[in-house]
C-alpha atoms as a PDB file:
ATOM      1  CA  MET A   1     -60.294 -17.722  85.552  1.00  0.00           C
ATOM      2  CA  GLN A   2     -58.792 -16.748  82.023  1.00  0.00           C
ATOM      3  CA  ASP A   3     -58.241 -13.259  83.771  1.00  0.00           C
ATOM      4  CA  ALA A   4     -56.205 -14.823  86.880  1.00  0.00           C
ATOM      5  CA  GLU A   5     -54.779 -17.628  84.524  1.00  0.00           C
ATOM      6  CA  GLU A   6     -53.192 -14.073  82.850  1.00  0.00           C
ATOM      7  CA  ASP A   7     -52.122 -12.593  85.438  1.00  0.00           C
ATOM      8  CA  ASP A   8     -50.484 -15.693  86.877  1.00  0.00           C
ATOM      9  CA  MET A   9     -48.129 -16.357  83.373  1.00  0.00           C
ATOM     10  CA  ALA A  10     -47.520 -11.793  83.733  1.00  0.00           C
ATOM     11  CA  CYS A  11     -45.838 -13.212  86.855  1.00  0.00           C
ATOM     12  CA  GLY A  12     -43.492 -15.673  85.565  1.00  0.00           C
ATOM     13  CA  ASP A  13     -45.422 -18.166  86.663  1.00  0.00           C
ATOM     14  CA  LEU A  14     -44.723 -21.415  84.674  1.00  0.00           C
ATOM     15  CA  GLY A  15     -46.633 -23.778  86.813  1.00  0.00           C
ATOM     16  CA  ASN A  16     -50.321 -24.131  87.196  1.00  0.00           C
ATOM     17  CA  GLY A  17     -50.690 -20.810  89.151  1.00  0.00           C
ATOM     18  CA  LEU A  18     -52.855 -20.894  91.754  1.00  0.00           C
ATOM     19  CA  GLY A  19     -50.255 -18.782  93.814  1.00  0.00           C
ATOM     20  CA  ARG A  20     -47.587 -21.256  93.888  1.00  0.00           C
ATOM     21  CA  ARG A  21     -43.816 -20.781  94.016  1.00  0.00           C
ATOM     22  CA  PRO A  22     -41.628 -21.391  90.811  1.00  0.00           C
ATOM     23  CA  GLY A  23     -40.418 -24.738  91.471  1.00  0.00           C
ATOM     24  CA  GLY A  24     -43.007 -26.053  93.726  1.00  0.00           C
ATOM     25  CA  VAL A  25     -43.623 -29.428  93.832  1.00  0.00           C
ATOM     26  CA  TYR A  26     -47.187 -29.623  92.995  1.00  0.00           C
ATOM     27  CA  GLY A  27     -50.066 -32.131  93.882  1.00  0.00           C
ATOM     28  CA  ALA A  28     -48.516 -31.917  97.637  1.00  0.00           C
ATOM     29  CA  ASP A  29     -50.557 -30.688 101.012  1.00  0.00           C
ATOM     30  CA  ALA A  30     -49.686 -28.157 103.346  1.00  0.00           C
ATOM     31  CA  SER A  31     -47.729 -29.928 106.007  1.00  0.00           C
ATOM     32  CA  GLN A  32     -45.182 -31.205 102.765  1.00  0.00           C
ATOM     33  CA  SER A  33     -44.742 -27.670 101.593  1.00  0.00           C
ATOM     34  CA  SER A  34     -43.677 -26.952 104.983  1.00  0.00           C
ATOM     35  CA  ARG A  35     -41.378 -29.669 105.351  1.00  0.00           C
ATOM     36  CA  LEU A  36     -40.141 -28.658 102.437  1.00  0.00           C
ATOM     37  CA  SER A  37     -39.334 -24.919 103.262  1.00  0.00           C
ATOM     38  CA  ARG A  38     -36.963 -25.998 106.360  1.00  0.00           C
ATOM     39  CA  PRO A  39     -34.436 -27.658 104.227  1.00  0.00           C
ATOM     40  CA  ARG A  40     -33.735 -24.496 102.709  1.00  0.00           C
ATOM     41  CA  ARG A  41     -33.020 -22.877 106.154  1.00  0.00           C
ATOM     42  CA  GLY A  42     -30.975 -25.037 106.961  1.00  0.00           C
ATOM     43  CA  SER A  43     -28.778 -25.728 104.040  1.00  0.00           C
ATOM     44  CA  ALA A  44     -25.716 -23.573 103.869  1.00  0.00           C
ATOM     45  CA  LYS A  45     -24.909 -24.084 100.741  1.00  0.00           C
ATOM     46  CA  GLY A  46     -27.893 -24.060  99.247  1.00  0.00           C
ATOM     47  CA  GLY A  47     -28.750 -21.035 100.783  1.00  0.00           C
ATOM     48  CA  SER A  48     -25.987 -19.279 100.076  1.00  0.00           C
ATOM     49  CA  SER A  49     -26.127 -19.665  96.622  1.00  0.00           C
ATOM     50  CA  LEU A  50     -30.194 -18.922  95.735  1.00  0.00           C
ATOM     51  CA  PRO A  51     -29.521 -15.358  97.344  1.00  0.00           C
ATOM     52  CA  SER A  52     -26.236 -14.559  94.941  1.00  0.00           C
ATOM     53  CA  ALA A  53     -28.495 -16.037  91.737  1.00  0.00           C
ATOM     54  CA  LYS A  54     -31.682 -13.874  92.545  1.00  0.00           C
ATOM     55  CA  GLY A  55     -28.475 -11.219  93.397  1.00  0.00           C
ATOM     56  CA  ALA A  56     -27.114 -11.824  90.014  1.00  0.00           C
ATOM     57  CA  ALA A  57     -30.466 -11.303  87.724  1.00  0.00           C
ATOM     58  CA  PRO A  58     -29.962  -8.282  85.940  1.00  0.00           C
ATOM     59  CA  ASN A  59     -32.898  -5.282  85.676  1.00  0.00           C
ATOM     60  CA  GLY A  60     -33.006  -5.132  81.656  1.00  0.00           C
ATOM     61  CA  PRO A  61     -33.638  -7.630  78.923  1.00  0.00           C
ATOM     62  CA  LEU A  62     -32.018 -10.604  80.339  1.00  0.00           C
ATOM     63  CA  ILE A  63     -34.653 -10.548  83.164  1.00  0.00           C
ATOM     64  CA  PHE A  64     -36.469 -13.838  81.534  1.00  0.00           C
ATOM     65  CA  VAL A  65     -32.906 -15.479  81.567  1.00  0.00           C
ATOM     66  CA  PHE A  66     -32.599 -15.443  85.157  1.00  0.00           C
ATOM     67  CA  SER A  67     -36.117 -15.844  86.301  1.00  0.00           C
ATOM     68  CA  PHE A  68     -35.518 -19.021  84.275  1.00  0.00           C
ATOM     69  CA  VAL A  69     -32.413 -20.125  86.207  1.00  0.00           C
ATOM     70  CA  ASN A  70     -34.005 -19.310  89.408  1.00  0.00           C
ATOM     71  CA  ILE A  71     -36.671 -21.640  88.462  1.00  0.00           C
ATOM     72  CA  VAL A  72     -34.206 -24.600  87.489  1.00  0.00           C
ATOM     73  CA  ILE A  73     -32.028 -23.677  90.786  1.00  0.00           C
ATOM     74  CA  TRP A  74     -35.107 -23.848  93.220  1.00  0.00           C
ATOM     75  CA  HIS A  75     -36.937 -26.796  90.941  1.00  0.00           C
ATOM     76  CA  ILE A  76     -33.475 -28.942  91.183  1.00  0.00           C
ATOM     77  CA  LEU A  77     -33.433 -28.244  95.224  1.00  0.00           C
ATOM     78  CA  VAL A  78     -36.377 -28.858  96.163  1.00  0.00           C
ATOM     79  CA  SER A  79     -36.685 -32.235  94.434  1.00  0.00           C
ATOM     80  CA  LEU A  80     -33.787 -33.042  96.559  1.00  0.00           C
ATOM     81  CA  ILE A  81     -34.818 -32.345  99.247  1.00  0.00           C
ATOM     82  CA  HIS A  82     -38.158 -34.311  98.653  1.00  0.00           C
ATOM     83  CA  LEU A  83     -36.232 -36.943  97.425  1.00  0.00           C
ATOM     84  CA  ALA A  84     -34.723 -37.235 100.821  1.00  0.00           C
ATOM     85  CA  GLU A  85     -37.892 -36.908 102.754  1.00  0.00           C
ATOM     86  CA  SER A  86     -39.211 -39.494 101.130  1.00  0.00           C
ATOM     87  CA  ASN A  87     -36.467 -42.216 100.889  1.00  0.00           C
ATOM     88  CA  SER A  88     -35.035 -42.172 104.495  1.00  0.00           C
ATOM     89  CA  GLU A  89     -33.406 -44.532 103.951  1.00  0.00           C
ATOM     90  CA  VAL A  90     -30.786 -42.865 101.634  1.00  0.00           C
ATOM     91  CA  SER A  91     -27.839 -41.784 103.294  1.00  0.00           C
ATOM     92  CA  ASN A  92     -26.581 -38.520 104.057  1.00  0.00           C
ATOM     93  CA  GLU A  93     -23.521 -39.167 101.794  1.00  0.00           C
ATOM     94  CA  GLU A  94     -25.466 -40.198  99.471  1.00  0.00           C
ATOM     95  CA  LEU A  95     -27.801 -36.597  99.765  1.00  0.00           C
ATOM     96  CA  LYS A  96     -24.778 -34.575  99.462  1.00  0.00           C
ATOM     97  CA  GLN A  97     -23.062 -36.611  96.824  1.00  0.00           C
ATOM     98  CA  GLN A  98     -25.893 -35.247  95.004  1.00  0.00           C
ATOM     99  CA  LEU A  99     -26.372 -31.827  96.256  1.00  0.00           C
ATOM    100  CA  GLN A 100     -22.720 -31.087  95.572  1.00  0.00           C
ATOM    101  CA  GLU A 101     -23.934 -32.127  91.970  1.00  0.00           C
ATOM    102  CA  ALA A 102     -26.671 -30.508  92.279  1.00  0.00           C
ATOM    103  CA  LEU A 103     -24.640 -27.365  93.020  1.00  0.00           C
ATOM    104  CA  GLU A 104     -21.910 -27.937  89.768  1.00  0.00           C
ATOM    105  CA  GLU A 105     -24.742 -28.294  87.967  1.00  0.00           C
ATOM    106  CA  VAL A 106     -26.136 -24.624  89.064  1.00  0.00           C
ATOM    107  CA  GLU A 107     -22.278 -23.324  88.527  1.00  0.00           C
ATOM    108  CA  MET A 108     -22.209 -24.280  85.255  1.00  0.00           C
ATOM    109  CA  LEU A 109     -25.473 -23.162  84.346  1.00  0.00           C
ATOM    110  CA  LYS A 110     -24.500 -19.692  85.915  1.00  0.00           C
ATOM    111  CA  VAL A 111     -20.947 -20.105  83.672  1.00  0.00           C
ATOM    112  CA  GLU A 112     -23.575 -20.945  80.615  1.00  0.00           C
ATOM    113  CA  LEU A 113     -25.636 -17.985  81.907  1.00  0.00           C
ATOM    114  CA  GLU A 114     -22.568 -15.545  81.972  1.00  0.00           C
ATOM    115  CA  ALA A 115     -21.634 -16.258  78.504  1.00  0.00           C
ATOM    116  CA  SER A 116     -24.937 -15.705  77.021  1.00  0.00           C
ATOM    117  CA  GLN A 117     -25.459 -12.722  79.132  1.00  0.00           C
ATOM    118  CA  ARG A 118     -21.840 -11.497  77.280  1.00  0.00           C
ATOM    119  CA  ARG A 119     -22.754 -13.022  73.810  1.00  0.00           C
ATOM    120  CA  LEU A 120     -26.455 -10.694  74.206  1.00  0.00           C
ATOM    121  CA  GLU A 121     -24.386  -7.771  75.149  1.00  0.00           C
ATOM    122  CA  GLY A 122     -22.536  -8.003  72.051  1.00  0.00           C
ATOM    123  CA  LYS A 123     -25.256  -8.306  69.914  1.00  0.00           C
ATOM    124  CA  ALA A 124     -26.761  -5.429  71.659  1.00  0.00           C
ATOM    125  CA  GLU A 125     -23.881  -3.496  70.954  1.00  0.00           C
ATOM    126  CA  ALA A 126     -23.709  -4.534  67.505  1.00  0.00           C
ATOM    127  CA  LEU A 127     -27.112  -3.402  66.711  1.00  0.00           C
ATOM    128  CA  ARG A 128     -26.588  -0.323  68.153  1.00  0.00           C
ATOM    129  CA  ILE A 129     -23.663   0.033  66.094  1.00  0.00           C
ATOM    130  CA  LEU A 130     -25.641  -0.916  63.170  1.00  0.00           C
ATOM    131  CA  GLN A 131     -28.471   1.377  63.858  1.00  0.00           C
ATOM    132  CA  SER A 132     -26.119   4.257  64.368  1.00  0.00           C
ATOM    133  CA  VAL A 133     -24.394   3.415  60.724  1.00  0.00           C
ATOM    134  CA  ALA A 134     -27.925   3.104  59.519  1.00  0.00           C
ATOM    135  CA  VAL A 135     -28.668   6.239  60.319  1.00  0.00           C
ATOM    136  CA  PHE A 136     -25.574   8.053  59.615  1.00  0.00           C
ATOM    137  CA  ASN A 137     -25.627   6.146  56.354  1.00  0.00           C
ATOM    138  CA  LYS A 138     -29.039   8.076  55.851  1.00  0.00           C
ATOM    139  CA  ALA A 139     -27.916  11.131  57.157  1.00  0.00           C
ATOM    140  CA  THR A 140     -25.444  11.636  54.983  1.00  0.00           C
ATOM    141  CA  SER A 141     -26.599  10.059  51.558  1.00  0.00           C
ATOM    142  CA  HIS A 142     -26.978  13.596  50.268  1.00  0.00           C
ATOM    143  CA  THR A 143     -23.298  14.536  51.378  1.00  0.00           C
ATOM    144  CA  LYS A 144     -21.907  11.295  50.092  1.00  0.00           C
ATOM    145  CA  ALA A 145     -23.937  13.195  46.723  1.00  0.00           C
ATOM    146  CA  MET A 146     -22.533  16.366  47.074  1.00  0.00           C
ATOM    147  CA  LEU A 147     -18.982  14.571  47.880  1.00  0.00           C
ATOM    148  CA  GLN A 148     -19.281  12.086  44.604  1.00  0.00           C
ATOM    149  CA  LYS A 149     -20.388  15.042  42.615  1.00  0.00           C
ATOM    150  CA  THR A 150     -17.839  17.782  43.830  1.00  0.00           C
ATOM    151  CA  GLU A 151     -15.360  14.320  43.169  1.00  0.00           C
ATOM    152  CA  GLU A 152     -16.578  14.293  39.412  1.00  0.00           C
ATOM    153  CA  GLU A 153     -15.806  18.069  39.254  1.00  0.00           C
ATOM    154  CA  LYS A 154     -12.604  17.470  40.465  1.00  0.00           C
ATOM    155  CA  ARG A 155     -11.339  15.238  38.146  1.00  0.00           C
ATOM    156  CA  ALA A 156     -13.139  16.849  35.017  1.00  0.00           C
ATOM    157  CA  LEU A 157     -11.101  20.083  36.408  1.00  0.00           C
ATOM    158  CA  GLU A 158      -7.323  18.289  36.549  1.00  0.00           C
ATOM    159  CA  LYS A 159      -8.258  17.039  33.055  1.00  0.00           C
ATOM    160  CA  GLU A 160      -8.692  20.777  31.929  1.00  0.00           C
ATOM    161  CA  ILE A 161      -5.724  21.480  33.957  1.00  0.00           C
ATOM    162  CA  ASN A 162      -3.720  19.603  32.422  1.00  0.00           C
ATOM    163  CA  THR A 163      -4.950  19.975  28.822  1.00  0.00           C
ATOM    164  CA  LEU A 164      -4.056  24.035  29.256  1.00  0.00           C
ATOM    165  CA  GLN A 165      -1.269  22.995  30.785  1.00  0.00           C
ATOM    166  CA  TRP A 166      -0.221  20.713  27.491  1.00  0.00           C
ATOM    167  CA  GLU A 167      -1.198  23.716  24.846  1.00  0.00           C
ATOM    168  CA  ILE A 168       0.377  26.077  27.252  1.00  0.00           C
ATOM    169  CA  GLU A 169       3.988  24.227  26.876  1.00  0.00           C
ATOM    170  CA  PHE A 170       2.878  24.007  23.392  1.00  0.00           C
ATOM    171  CA  ASP A 171       3.023  27.446  22.520  1.00  0.00           C
ATOM    172  CA  GLN A 172       5.978  27.906  24.943  1.00  0.00           C
ATOM    173  CA  ASP A 173       7.901  25.436  22.302  1.00  0.00           C
ATOM    174  CA  ARG A 174       6.318  26.569  19.342  1.00  0.00           C
ATOM    175  CA  PHE A 175       7.255  30.506  20.362  1.00  0.00           C
ATOM    176  CA  LYS A 176      10.797  29.590  21.361  1.00  0.00           C
ATOM    177  CA  ASN A 177      10.917  28.366  17.612  1.00  0.00           C
ATOM    178  CA  ILE A 178       9.885  31.331  16.688  1.00  0.00           C
ATOM    179  CA  GLU A 179      12.359  33.744  17.972  1.00  0.00           C
ATOM    180  CA  GLU A 180      15.224  31.073  17.315  1.00  0.00           C
ATOM    181  CA  THR A 181      13.931  31.520  13.678  1.00  0.00           C
ATOM    182  CA  TRP A 182      13.397  35.447  13.976  1.00  0.00           C
ATOM    183  CA  THR A 183      16.964  35.880  15.876  1.00  0.00           C
ATOM    184  CA  GLU A 184      18.976  33.988  13.115  1.00  0.00           C
ATOM    185  CA  LYS A 185      17.444  35.986  10.725  1.00  0.00           C
ATOM    186  CA  TYR A 186      17.699  39.613  12.751  1.00  0.00           C
ATOM    187  CA  ASP A 187      21.742  38.207  12.762  1.00  0.00           C
ATOM    188  CA  ARG A 188      21.840  37.294   9.480  1.00  0.00           C
ATOM    189  CA  ILE A 189      20.253  40.730   8.237  1.00  0.00           C
ATOM    190  CA  TYR A 190      22.685  42.536  10.804  1.00  0.00           C
ATOM    191  CA  CYS A 191      25.786  40.884   9.354  1.00  0.00           C
ATOM    192  CA  GLU A 192      24.680  41.184   5.612  1.00  0.00           C
ATOM    193  CA  ASN A 193      23.916  45.082   6.847  1.00  0.00           C
ATOM    194  CA  ALA A 194      27.360  45.799   8.162  1.00  0.00           C
ATOM    195  CA  ALA A 195      28.645  44.193   4.867  1.00  0.00           C
ATOM    196  CA  LEU A 196      26.610  46.487   2.942  1.00  0.00           C
ATOM    197  CA  LYS A 197      27.595  49.289   4.814  1.00  0.00           C
ATOM    198  CA  GLU A 198      31.661  48.459   4.338  1.00  0.00           C
ATOM    199  CA  THR A 199      30.882  48.069   0.832  1.00  0.00           C
ATOM    200  CA  LEU A 200      28.822  51.355   0.581  1.00  0.00           C
ATOM    201  CA  LYS A 201      31.507  53.098   2.517  1.00  0.00           C
ATOM    202  CA  LEU A 202      34.454  51.605  -0.273  1.00  0.00           C
ATOM    203  CA  ARG A 203      32.223  52.149  -3.035  1.00  0.00           C
ATOM    204  CA  THR A 204      31.822  55.956  -1.988  1.00  0.00           C
ATOM    205  CA  GLU A 205      35.696  56.214  -1.007  1.00  0.00           C
ATOM    206  CA  GLU A 206      36.166  54.961  -4.480  1.00  0.00           C
ATOM    207  CA  VAL A 207      33.201  57.228  -6.761  1.00  0.00           C
ATOM    208  CA  LYS A 208      35.036  60.045  -4.802  1.00  0.00           C
ATOM    209  CA  THR A 209      38.165  59.174  -6.357  1.00  0.00           C
ATOM    210  CA  LEU A 210      37.082  58.871  -9.294  1.00  0.00           C
ATOM    211  CA  LYS A 211      34.723  62.061  -9.388  1.00  0.00           C
ATOM    212  CA  SER A 212      38.352  63.321  -8.455  1.00  0.00           C
ATOM    213  CA  GLU A 213      39.664  61.288 -11.653  1.00  0.00           C
ATOM    214  CA  ASN A 214      36.885  62.400 -14.408  1.00  0.00           C
ATOM    215  CA  ALA A 215      37.429  66.184 -13.243  1.00  0.00           C
ATOM    216  CA  ILE A 216      40.995  65.529 -14.070  1.00  0.00           C
ATOM    217  CA  LEU A 217      40.154  63.679 -17.054  1.00  0.00           C
ATOM    218  CA  ASN A 218      37.521  66.264 -18.168  1.00  0.00           C
ATOM    219  CA  GLN A 219      39.906  69.190 -17.337  1.00  0.00           C
ATOM    220  CA  GLN A 220      42.247  67.294 -19.902  1.00  0.00           C
ATOM    221  CA  CYS A 221      39.900  66.739 -22.327  1.00  0.00           C
ATOM    222  CA  LEU A 222      38.855  70.196 -22.130  1.00  0.00           C
ATOM    223  CA  GLU A 223      42.697  71.202 -22.776  1.00  0.00           C
ATOM    224  CA  PHE A 224      43.103  68.558 -25.874  1.00  0.00           C
ATOM    225  CA  LEU A 225      39.899  69.881 -27.298  1.00  0.00           C
ATOM    226  CA  ALA A 226      41.682  73.467 -27.285  1.00  0.00           C
ATOM    227  CA  MET A 227      44.592  72.115 -28.952  1.00  0.00           C
ATOM    228  CA  LEU A 228      42.617  71.183 -32.138  1.00  0.00           C
ATOM    229  CA  ASP A 229      41.640  72.992 -34.901  1.00  0.00           C
ATOM    230  CA  VAL A 230      37.693  74.081 -35.785  1.00  0.00           C
ATOM    231  CA  LYS A 231      36.920  71.206 -37.980  1.00  0.00           C
ATOM    232  CA  GLN A 232      38.086  68.792 -35.304  1.00  0.00           C
ATOM    233  CA  GLN A 233      36.320  70.202 -32.652  1.00  0.00           C
ATOM    234  CA  LYS A 234      33.156  69.779 -34.587  1.00  0.00           C
ATOM    235  CA  VAL A 235      33.737  66.213 -35.247  1.00  0.00           C
ATOM    236  CA  ILE A 236      34.713  65.244 -32.623  1.00  0.00           C
ATOM    237  CA  GLN A 237      31.177  66.740 -30.685  1.00  0.00           C
ATOM    238  CA  GLU A 238      29.516  65.340 -33.507  1.00  0.00           C
ATOM    239  CA  ASN A 239      30.311  62.033 -32.355  1.00  0.00           C
ATOM    240  CA  MET A 240      30.410  62.293 -29.198  1.00  0.00           C
ATOM    241  CA  SER A 241      27.308  63.215 -27.257  1.00  0.00           C
ATOM    242  CA  TRP A 242      28.725  64.500 -23.944  1.00  0.00           C
ATOM    243  CA  ASN A 243      25.400  65.838 -22.580  1.00  0.00           C
ATOM    244  CA  LYS A 244      23.508  62.861 -23.082  1.00  0.00           C
ATOM    245  CA  SER A 245      25.738  60.182 -21.922  1.00  0.00           C
ATOM    246  CA  GLY A 246      29.109  60.507 -21.607  1.00  0.00           C
ATOM    247  CA  LEU A 247      29.709  57.611 -24.211  1.00  0.00           C
ATOM    248  CA  THR A 248      32.159  57.224 -27.322  1.00  0.00           C
ATOM    249  CA  ASP A 249      30.971  56.099 -30.682  1.00  0.00           C
ATOM    250  CA  ILE A 250      33.552  53.902 -32.501  1.00  0.00           C
ATOM    251  CA  THR A 251      32.551  54.694 -35.943  1.00  0.00           C
ATOM    252  CA  GLY A 252      32.783  58.486 -34.636  1.00  0.00           C
ATOM    253  CA  LEU A 253      35.917  57.321 -32.886  1.00  0.00           C
ATOM    254  CA  GLU A 254      37.305  55.916 -36.497  1.00  0.00           C
ATOM    255  CA  GLU A 255      36.082  58.965 -38.581  1.00  0.00           C
ATOM    256  CA  THR A 256      38.143  61.113 -35.831  1.00  0.00           C
ATOM    257  CA  ARG A 257      40.888  58.809 -36.744  1.00  0.00           C
ATOM    258  CA  LYS A 258      40.873  59.311 -40.979  1.00  0.00           C
ATOM    259  CA  ALA A 259      40.671  63.391 -40.303  1.00  0.00           C
ATOM    260  CA  TRP A 260      43.731  63.376 -37.926  1.00  0.00           C
ATOM    261  CA  GLY A 261      45.560  60.905 -39.659  1.00  0.00           C
ATOM    262  CA  ARG A 262      47.510  57.709 -38.631  1.00  0.00           C
ATOM    263  CA  ASN A 263      49.663  59.797 -35.784  1.00  0.00           C
ATOM    264  CA  TYR A 264      50.902  57.520 -33.541  1.00  0.00           C
ATOM    265  CA  GLN A 265      50.502  59.814 -30.725  1.00  0.00           C
ATOM    266  CA  VAL A 266      47.169  61.271 -31.351  1.00  0.00           C
ATOM    267  CA  CYS A 267      45.435  57.432 -31.540  1.00  0.00           C
ATOM    268  CA  CYS A 268      47.757  56.749 -27.649  1.00  0.00           C
ATOM    269  CA  LEU A 269      45.572  59.683 -26.849  1.00  0.00           C
ATOM    270  CA  GLN A 270      42.073  58.383 -28.126  1.00  0.00           C
ATOM    271  CA  VAL A 271      42.643  54.939 -26.749  1.00  0.00           C
ATOM    272  CA  TRP A 272      43.176  56.520 -23.201  1.00  0.00           C
ATOM    273  CA  THR A 273      40.611  58.992 -23.450  1.00  0.00           C
ATOM    274  CA  VAL A 274      37.950  56.366 -24.752  1.00  0.00           C
ATOM    275  CA  GLY A 275      38.972  54.004 -21.947  1.00  0.00           C
ATOM    276  CA  GLU A 276      38.425  56.830 -19.464  1.00  0.00           C
ATOM    277  CA  LEU A 277      35.405  57.787 -20.467  1.00  0.00           C
ATOM    278  CA  LYS A 278      33.881  53.829 -21.103  1.00  0.00           C
ATOM    279  CA  SER A 279      35.207  53.407 -16.953  1.00  0.00           C
ATOM    280  CA  TRP A 280      33.143  56.365 -15.853  1.00  0.00           C
ATOM    281  CA  THR A 281      29.906  55.620 -17.549  1.00  0.00           C
ATOM    282  CA  ILE A 282      30.417  51.570 -15.901  1.00  0.00           C
ATOM    283  CA  LEU A 283      30.638  52.957 -13.265  1.00  0.00           C
ATOM    284  CA  MET A 284      27.497  55.577 -13.144  1.00  0.00           C
ATOM    285  CA  LYS A 285      25.197  52.672 -14.524  1.00  0.00           C
ATOM    286  CA  SER A 286      25.903  50.426 -11.586  1.00  0.00           C
ATOM    287  CA  LEU A 287      25.544  53.508  -8.906  1.00  0.00           C
ATOM    288  CA  ARG A 288      21.802  54.263 -10.561  1.00  0.00           C
ATOM    289  CA  CYS A 289      21.170  50.953 -10.113  1.00  0.00           C
END
């Protein structure tokens, strides 16, 4: 008995089972059931609405909802027909009105059913999207970790590049300053060298001139010594060291003056000779430095 009831429930029977149709008025005999089946065939609106409702039932997860709507429609129609047969005094106009109200209610239920179907389809689609997103997130977790690691490495490299770029710019500025400093030093040394070359050239010309004058003076001194006697030459040679420094000793000059006397011409010659020798000695010392 329990297995039979489970089979009835599995087939979609919401009544008491026993093989009766959904929406039937249970407790009636077979003659009433036969009478109930006749108006269903004769009713144009009822016959046209039931196949459309049955045809609209989907073959998916919403089959239970469509079955429930069909049961409700069938129960309403059978209840109206049973009411009409039990109350013979009810007029045809009232029956038509009740039938029209029932059909309107059925249409409203269809509209609500379609709306519910669309909502369920939207929810199913959202569920599929969420499932795909979950699968994608699970599948790409490693990829996301790698991308994050790559992004961190990229930021570290950018920071390192910026540091190196700053150091390069700093070194370039420092090298530029050093180059400018050495360029200034080179220009200054080059100018000084050019000035020294010009000075050396002038000094060389002066040395040549002084050498020629010295040669002339030496010749004149030799000629002057040749004009003196042996005693005077000896006194001059003792007081003047020609071979060592070429300087004239003032003390020797005074002794020479005492030996020569106060001759004006001799004194002038002595002054001129001593002046030229001093000039030559100073020039030689400056050249040695």
